[in-house]
Amino acid sequence: MSQVHPGDAPLVHDLIGIGFGPSNVAMAIALREHNTRVGGQAPVTARFFEQQQSFGWHRGMLIDDATMQVSFLKDLVTLRNPSSEYSFLCYLQSRGRLIDFINHKNLFPLRVEFHDYF
């Protein structure tokens, strides 16, 4: 157990997130982009708490060849910042899969693809 010494100020964050699911991942990205934009002036501090050891999206529910029922444009960032480096389209481009995705003629990605993106 650590001791509190006189003059030690408690650490205060602007935001606390419980769980690190898609909503809080999106929040963390928004904060990172905000802090990058403002530089060292008025950064927002945050701390996220998650009980799982690693990220898992729909654990045990990813069926081969199942597609998402939600548009890929409703990813972690596109509606807030379409030019974000964290968008699903940027993810596909960085892996050399954007052209294949567009030429597939199905605008609903496989659940496994979206899981990899997260």
N, C-alpha and C. Protein backbone atom coordinates (compact mmCIF):
# COMPACT_ATOMS: atom_id res chain seq x y z
N MET A 1 0.85 -1.17 0.00
CA MET A 1 0.00 0.00 0.00
C MET A 1 0.89 1.23 0.00
N SER A 2 0.59 2.19 -0.85
CA SER A 2 1.41 3.40 -0.92
C SER A 2 0.94 4.40 0.12
N GLN A 3 1.87 5.22 0.55
CA GLN A 3 1.55 6.23 1.54
C GLN A 3 1.32 7.56 0.84
N VAL A 4 0.42 8.34 1.39
CA VAL A 4 0.17 9.69 0.89
C VAL A 4 1.02 10.63 1.74
N HIS A 5 1.81 11.43 1.06
CA HIS A 5 2.68 12.37 1.74
C HIS A 5 2.08 13.76 1.68
N PRO A 6 2.37 14.59 2.67
CA PRO A 6 1.87 15.97 2.63
C PRO A 6 2.31 16.66 1.34
N GLY A 7 1.42 17.38 0.74
CA GLY A 7 1.71 18.07 -0.52
C GLY A 7 1.41 17.24 -1.75
N ASP A 8 1.15 15.94 -1.59
CA ASP A 8 0.78 15.12 -2.74
C ASP A 8 -0.64 15.49 -3.16
N ALA A 9 -0.77 15.88 -4.39
CA ALA A 9 -2.10 16.21 -4.91
C ALA A 9 -2.72 14.96 -5.52
N PRO A 10 -4.00 14.73 -5.27
CA PRO A 10 -4.64 13.56 -5.89
C PRO A 10 -4.71 13.76 -7.41
N LEU A 11 -4.56 12.68 -8.15
CA LEU A 11 -4.64 12.73 -9.60
C LEU A 11 -6.10 12.86 -10.00
N VAL A 12 -6.40 13.88 -10.75
CA VAL A 12 -7.78 14.14 -11.19
C VAL A 12 -7.80 14.08 -12.71
N HIS A 13 -8.74 13.31 -13.26
CA HIS A 13 -8.92 13.20 -14.70
C HIS A 13 -10.18 13.94 -15.12
N ASP A 14 -10.19 14.38 -16.36
CA ASP A 14 -11.38 15.03 -16.91
C ASP A 14 -12.48 14.02 -17.22
N LEU A 15 -12.08 12.78 -17.51
CA LEU A 15 -13.05 11.76 -17.92
C LEU A 15 -12.59 10.39 -17.41
N ILE A 16 -13.54 9.63 -16.92
CA ILE A 16 -13.29 8.24 -16.51
C ILE A 16 -14.23 7.36 -17.32
N GLY A 17 -13.69 6.32 -17.94
CA GLY A 17 -14.51 5.39 -18.71
C GLY A 17 -14.51 4.02 -18.06
N ILE A 18 -15.68 3.45 -17.91
CA ILE A 18 -15.82 2.11 -17.34
C ILE A 18 -16.11 1.15 -18.48
N GLY A 19 -15.21 0.20 -18.70
CA GLY A 19 -15.31 -0.72 -19.82
C GLY A 19 -14.63 -0.12 -21.03
N PHE A 20 -14.09 -0.97 -21.88
CA PHE A 20 -13.40 -0.47 -23.07
C PHE A 20 -13.99 -1.13 -24.30
N GLY A 21 -15.31 -0.98 -24.43
CA GLY A 21 -16.02 -1.46 -25.60
C GLY A 21 -15.97 -0.41 -26.69
N PRO A 22 -16.70 -0.61 -27.77
CA PRO A 22 -16.65 0.30 -28.91
C PRO A 22 -16.92 1.78 -28.55
N SER A 23 -17.84 2.05 -27.65
CA SER A 23 -18.13 3.45 -27.30
C SER A 23 -16.94 4.12 -26.63
N ASN A 24 -16.33 3.45 -25.68
CA ASN A 24 -15.19 4.05 -25.01
C ASN A 24 -13.93 4.03 -25.87
N VAL A 25 -13.81 3.07 -26.76
CA VAL A 25 -12.70 3.11 -27.73
C VAL A 25 -12.86 4.35 -28.61
N ALA A 26 -14.09 4.58 -29.08
CA ALA A 26 -14.36 5.77 -29.89
C ALA A 26 -14.08 7.04 -29.10
N MET A 27 -14.43 7.05 -27.81
CA MET A 27 -14.15 8.22 -26.97
C MET A 27 -12.65 8.44 -26.83
N ALA A 28 -11.90 7.37 -26.63
CA ALA A 28 -10.44 7.48 -26.50
C ALA A 28 -9.82 8.04 -27.78
N ILE A 29 -10.33 7.61 -28.93
CA ILE A 29 -9.84 8.13 -30.21
C ILE A 29 -10.17 9.61 -30.33
N ALA A 30 -11.39 10.00 -29.97
CA ALA A 30 -11.78 11.42 -30.04
C ALA A 30 -10.89 12.26 -29.13
N LEU A 31 -10.59 11.75 -27.94
CA LEU A 31 -9.71 12.49 -27.03
C LEU A 31 -8.30 12.60 -27.59
N ARG A 32 -7.81 11.52 -28.17
CA ARG A 32 -6.46 11.55 -28.76
C ARG A 32 -6.39 12.57 -29.90
N GLU A 33 -7.41 12.55 -30.77
CA GLU A 33 -7.43 13.51 -31.87
C GLU A 33 -7.55 14.95 -31.35
N HIS A 34 -8.38 15.15 -30.33
CA HIS A 34 -8.51 16.47 -29.72
C HIS A 34 -7.17 16.94 -29.14
N ASN A 35 -6.54 16.08 -28.36
CA ASN A 35 -5.28 16.46 -27.72
C ASN A 35 -4.18 16.72 -28.74
N THR A 36 -4.19 15.99 -29.84
CA THR A 36 -3.22 16.24 -30.91
C THR A 36 -3.50 17.60 -31.54
N ARG A 37 -4.77 17.92 -31.73
CA ARG A 37 -5.16 19.18 -32.36
C ARG A 37 -4.80 20.39 -31.49
N VAL A 38 -4.98 20.28 -30.16
CA VAL A 38 -4.70 21.43 -29.29
C VAL A 38 -3.25 21.46 -28.82
N GLY A 39 -2.49 20.43 -29.14
CA GLY A 39 -1.10 20.38 -28.69
C GLY A 39 -1.06 20.26 -27.18
N GLY A 40 -0.17 20.98 -26.56
CA GLY A 40 -0.04 20.92 -25.10
C GLY A 40 -0.99 21.85 -24.37
N GLN A 41 -1.80 22.58 -25.10
CA GLN A 41 -2.71 23.55 -24.48
C GLN A 41 -4.06 22.90 -24.18
N ALA A 42 -4.42 22.85 -22.94
CA ALA A 42 -5.71 22.33 -22.49
C ALA A 42 -6.00 20.91 -22.96
N PRO A 43 -5.08 19.96 -22.77
CA PRO A 43 -5.41 18.57 -23.13
C PRO A 43 -6.45 18.01 -22.18
N VAL A 44 -7.24 17.09 -22.67
CA VAL A 44 -8.23 16.40 -21.85
C VAL A 44 -7.59 15.11 -21.37
N THR A 45 -7.64 14.88 -20.07
CA THR A 45 -7.06 13.66 -19.51
C THR A 45 -8.16 12.65 -19.23
N ALA A 46 -7.84 11.39 -19.42
CA ALA A 46 -8.84 10.34 -19.22
C ALA A 46 -8.17 9.08 -18.70
N ARG A 47 -8.98 8.25 -18.09
CA ARG A 47 -8.54 6.93 -17.64
C ARG A 47 -9.68 5.97 -17.89
N PHE A 48 -9.36 4.82 -18.49
CA PHE A 48 -10.37 3.81 -18.79
C PHE A 48 -10.07 2.55 -17.99
N PHE A 49 -11.11 1.93 -17.45
CA PHE A 49 -10.98 0.72 -16.66
C PHE A 49 -11.72 -0.41 -17.36
N GLU A 50 -11.06 -1.55 -17.50
CA GLU A 50 -11.65 -2.71 -18.16
C GLU A 50 -11.24 -3.96 -17.39
N GLN A 51 -12.19 -4.84 -17.14
CA GLN A 51 -11.86 -6.05 -16.39
C GLN A 51 -11.26 -7.15 -17.24
N GLN A 52 -11.51 -7.13 -18.56
CA GLN A 52 -10.95 -8.15 -19.44
C GLN A 52 -9.46 -7.89 -19.67
N GLN A 53 -8.69 -8.95 -19.86
CA GLN A 53 -7.26 -8.83 -20.10
C GLN A 53 -6.94 -8.30 -21.50
N SER A 54 -7.81 -8.63 -22.47
CA SER A 54 -7.58 -8.17 -23.84
C SER A 54 -8.94 -7.87 -24.47
N PHE A 55 -8.87 -7.11 -25.57
CA PHE A 55 -10.10 -6.73 -26.25
C PHE A 55 -10.74 -7.94 -26.92
N GLY A 56 -12.03 -8.04 -26.84
CA GLY A 56 -12.77 -9.09 -27.53
C GLY A 56 -14.13 -8.55 -27.93
N TRP A 57 -14.42 -8.59 -29.20
CA TRP A 57 -15.68 -8.05 -29.68
C TRP A 57 -16.58 -9.22 -30.08
N HIS A 58 -17.72 -9.32 -29.41
CA HIS A 58 -18.68 -10.41 -29.65
C HIS A 58 -17.98 -11.77 -29.53
N ARG A 59 -17.32 -11.97 -28.43
CA ARG A 59 -16.58 -13.22 -28.20
C ARG A 59 -17.48 -14.44 -28.45
N GLY A 60 -16.98 -15.36 -29.24
CA GLY A 60 -17.69 -16.59 -29.53
C GLY A 60 -18.89 -16.44 -30.44
N MET A 61 -19.10 -15.24 -30.97
CA MET A 61 -20.28 -15.01 -31.81
C MET A 61 -19.91 -14.70 -33.26
N LEU A 62 -18.64 -14.82 -33.62
CA LEU A 62 -18.23 -14.50 -34.99
C LEU A 62 -18.40 -15.72 -35.87
N ILE A 63 -19.45 -15.74 -36.63
CA ILE A 63 -19.76 -16.86 -37.52
C ILE A 63 -19.09 -16.59 -38.87
N ASP A 64 -18.42 -17.60 -39.42
CA ASP A 64 -17.75 -17.45 -40.71
C ASP A 64 -18.72 -16.92 -41.76
N ASP A 65 -18.25 -15.97 -42.55
CA ASP A 65 -18.99 -15.38 -43.66
C ASP A 65 -20.23 -14.58 -43.25
N ALA A 66 -20.41 -14.33 -41.94
CA ALA A 66 -21.52 -13.47 -41.52
C ALA A 66 -21.14 -12.02 -41.78
N THR A 67 -22.10 -11.23 -42.23
CA THR A 67 -21.83 -9.82 -42.50
C THR A 67 -22.41 -8.96 -41.39
N MET A 68 -21.90 -7.73 -41.31
CA MET A 68 -22.41 -6.76 -40.35
C MET A 68 -23.79 -6.31 -40.80
N GLN A 69 -24.64 -6.00 -39.85
CA GLN A 69 -25.96 -5.49 -40.19
C GLN A 69 -26.01 -3.97 -40.07
N VAL A 70 -24.87 -3.38 -39.72
CA VAL A 70 -24.76 -1.94 -39.57
C VAL A 70 -23.75 -1.45 -40.59
N SER A 71 -23.99 -0.30 -41.18
CA SER A 71 -23.09 0.26 -42.17
C SER A 71 -21.69 0.44 -41.61
N PHE A 72 -20.70 0.16 -42.43
CA PHE A 72 -19.31 0.36 -42.02
C PHE A 72 -19.01 1.84 -41.77
N LEU A 73 -19.85 2.73 -42.28
CA LEU A 73 -19.67 4.16 -42.03
C LEU A 73 -20.00 4.55 -40.59
N LYS A 74 -20.61 3.63 -39.87
CA LYS A 74 -20.88 3.85 -38.44
C LYS A 74 -19.78 3.18 -37.61
N ASP A 75 -18.54 3.38 -38.05
CA ASP A 75 -17.40 2.82 -37.34
C ASP A 75 -17.09 3.69 -36.12
N LEU A 76 -15.87 3.64 -35.66
CA LEU A 76 -15.49 4.36 -34.45
C LEU A 76 -15.41 5.87 -34.64
N VAL A 77 -15.25 6.35 -35.89
CA VAL A 77 -14.97 7.76 -36.07
C VAL A 77 -15.63 8.46 -37.25
N THR A 78 -16.04 7.76 -38.27
CA THR A 78 -16.41 8.39 -39.54
C THR A 78 -17.49 9.46 -39.41
N LEU A 79 -18.52 9.23 -38.63
CA LEU A 79 -19.58 10.23 -38.50
C LEU A 79 -19.09 11.49 -37.79
N ARG A 80 -18.08 11.36 -36.94
CA ARG A 80 -17.52 12.50 -36.23
C ARG A 80 -16.40 13.16 -37.01
N ASN A 81 -15.54 12.35 -37.65
CA ASN A 81 -14.38 12.86 -38.36
C ASN A 81 -14.08 11.95 -39.55
N PRO A 82 -14.68 12.21 -40.71
CA PRO A 82 -14.50 11.33 -41.87
C PRO A 82 -13.05 11.21 -42.34
N SER A 83 -12.20 12.17 -42.00
CA SER A 83 -10.80 12.11 -42.44
C SER A 83 -9.87 11.47 -41.40
N SER A 84 -10.45 10.87 -40.37
CA SER A 84 -9.64 10.28 -39.30
C SER A 84 -8.81 9.09 -39.78
N GLU A 85 -7.61 8.99 -39.24
CA GLU A 85 -6.76 7.84 -39.55
C GLU A 85 -7.29 6.56 -38.89
N TYR A 86 -8.30 6.67 -38.04
CA TYR A 86 -8.86 5.52 -37.35
C TYR A 86 -10.14 4.99 -38.00
N SER A 87 -10.49 5.48 -39.18
CA SER A 87 -11.71 5.02 -39.85
C SER A 87 -11.52 3.60 -40.39
N PHE A 88 -12.64 2.93 -40.63
CA PHE A 88 -12.59 1.58 -41.19
C PHE A 88 -11.98 1.61 -42.58
N LEU A 89 -12.30 2.65 -43.37
CA LEU A 89 -11.72 2.76 -44.72
C LEU A 89 -10.20 2.95 -44.65
N CYS A 90 -9.73 3.74 -43.71
CA CYS A 90 -8.28 3.92 -43.55
C CYS A 90 -7.63 2.60 -43.13
N TYR A 91 -8.32 1.86 -42.25
CA TYR A 91 -7.82 0.53 -41.84
C TYR A 91 -7.68 -0.38 -43.07
N LEU A 92 -8.71 -0.43 -43.91
CA LEU A 92 -8.64 -1.28 -45.11
C LEU A 92 -7.51 -0.83 -46.03
N GLN A 93 -7.38 0.47 -46.23
CA GLN A 93 -6.32 1.00 -47.08
C GLN A 93 -4.94 0.62 -46.56
N SER A 94 -4.74 0.73 -45.25
CA SER A 94 -3.43 0.43 -44.66
C SER A 94 -3.05 -1.04 -44.80
N ARG A 95 -4.04 -1.90 -45.03
CA ARG A 95 -3.78 -3.33 -45.18
C ARG A 95 -3.87 -3.78 -46.63
N GLY A 96 -4.00 -2.82 -47.55
CA GLY A 96 -4.09 -3.14 -48.97
C GLY A 96 -5.37 -3.86 -49.35
N ARG A 97 -6.46 -3.62 -48.60
CA ARG A 97 -7.71 -4.33 -48.84
C ARG A 97 -8.85 -3.43 -49.28
N LEU A 98 -8.59 -2.14 -49.44
CA LEU A 98 -9.66 -1.20 -49.78
C LEU A 98 -10.26 -1.49 -51.15
N ILE A 99 -9.42 -1.69 -52.15
CA ILE A 99 -9.92 -1.95 -53.52
C ILE A 99 -10.75 -3.23 -53.54
N ASP A 100 -10.28 -4.28 -52.87
CA ASP A 100 -11.04 -5.54 -52.82
C ASP A 100 -12.40 -5.33 -52.16
N PHE A 101 -12.42 -4.55 -51.07
CA PHE A 101 -13.68 -4.30 -50.37
C PHE A 101 -14.66 -3.56 -51.27
N ILE A 102 -14.18 -2.53 -51.97
CA ILE A 102 -15.05 -1.76 -52.86
C ILE A 102 -15.53 -2.61 -54.03
N ASN A 103 -14.65 -3.42 -54.60
CA ASN A 103 -15.02 -4.25 -55.74
C ASN A 103 -15.87 -5.46 -55.37
N HIS A 104 -15.97 -5.75 -54.09
CA HIS A 104 -16.79 -6.87 -53.62
C HIS A 104 -18.28 -6.61 -53.87
N LYS A 105 -18.64 -5.35 -54.07
CA LYS A 105 -20.01 -4.92 -54.36
C LYS A 105 -20.98 -5.25 -53.23
N ASN A 106 -20.45 -5.33 -52.03
CA ASN A 106 -21.28 -5.54 -50.85
C ASN A 106 -20.78 -4.57 -49.80
N LEU A 107 -21.59 -3.59 -49.44
CA LEU A 107 -21.13 -2.56 -48.52
C LEU A 107 -21.31 -2.94 -47.05
N PHE A 108 -21.50 -4.22 -46.80
CA PHE A 108 -21.56 -4.72 -45.44
C PHE A 108 -20.37 -5.64 -45.22
N PRO A 109 -19.36 -5.18 -44.46
CA PRO A 109 -18.16 -6.00 -44.27
C PRO A 109 -18.45 -7.26 -43.48
N LEU A 110 -17.57 -8.23 -43.64
CA LEU A 110 -17.67 -9.44 -42.82
C LEU A 110 -17.46 -9.05 -41.37
N ARG A 111 -18.12 -9.74 -40.46
CA ARG A 111 -17.96 -9.46 -39.03
C ARG A 111 -16.50 -9.63 -38.62
N VAL A 112 -15.82 -10.60 -39.21
CA VAL A 112 -14.42 -10.84 -38.87
C VAL A 112 -13.56 -9.65 -39.28
N GLU A 113 -13.86 -9.05 -40.43
CA GLU A 113 -13.11 -7.85 -40.86
C GLU A 113 -13.29 -6.72 -39.86
N PHE A 114 -14.53 -6.51 -39.41
CA PHE A 114 -14.79 -5.43 -38.47
C PHE A 114 -14.14 -5.74 -37.13
N HIS A 115 -14.13 -7.01 -36.74
CA HIS A 115 -13.45 -7.41 -35.50
C HIS A 115 -11.97 -7.09 -35.59
N ASP A 116 -11.35 -7.39 -36.71
CA ASP A 116 -9.92 -7.08 -36.89
C ASP A 116 -9.67 -5.58 -36.82
N TYR A 117 -10.59 -4.80 -37.35
CA TYR A 117 -10.48 -3.34 -37.31
C TYR A 117 -10.46 -2.86 -35.87
N PHE A 118 -11.35 -3.42 -35.03
CA PHE A 118 -11.37 -3.02 -33.63
C PHE A 118 -10.11 -3.48 -32.96
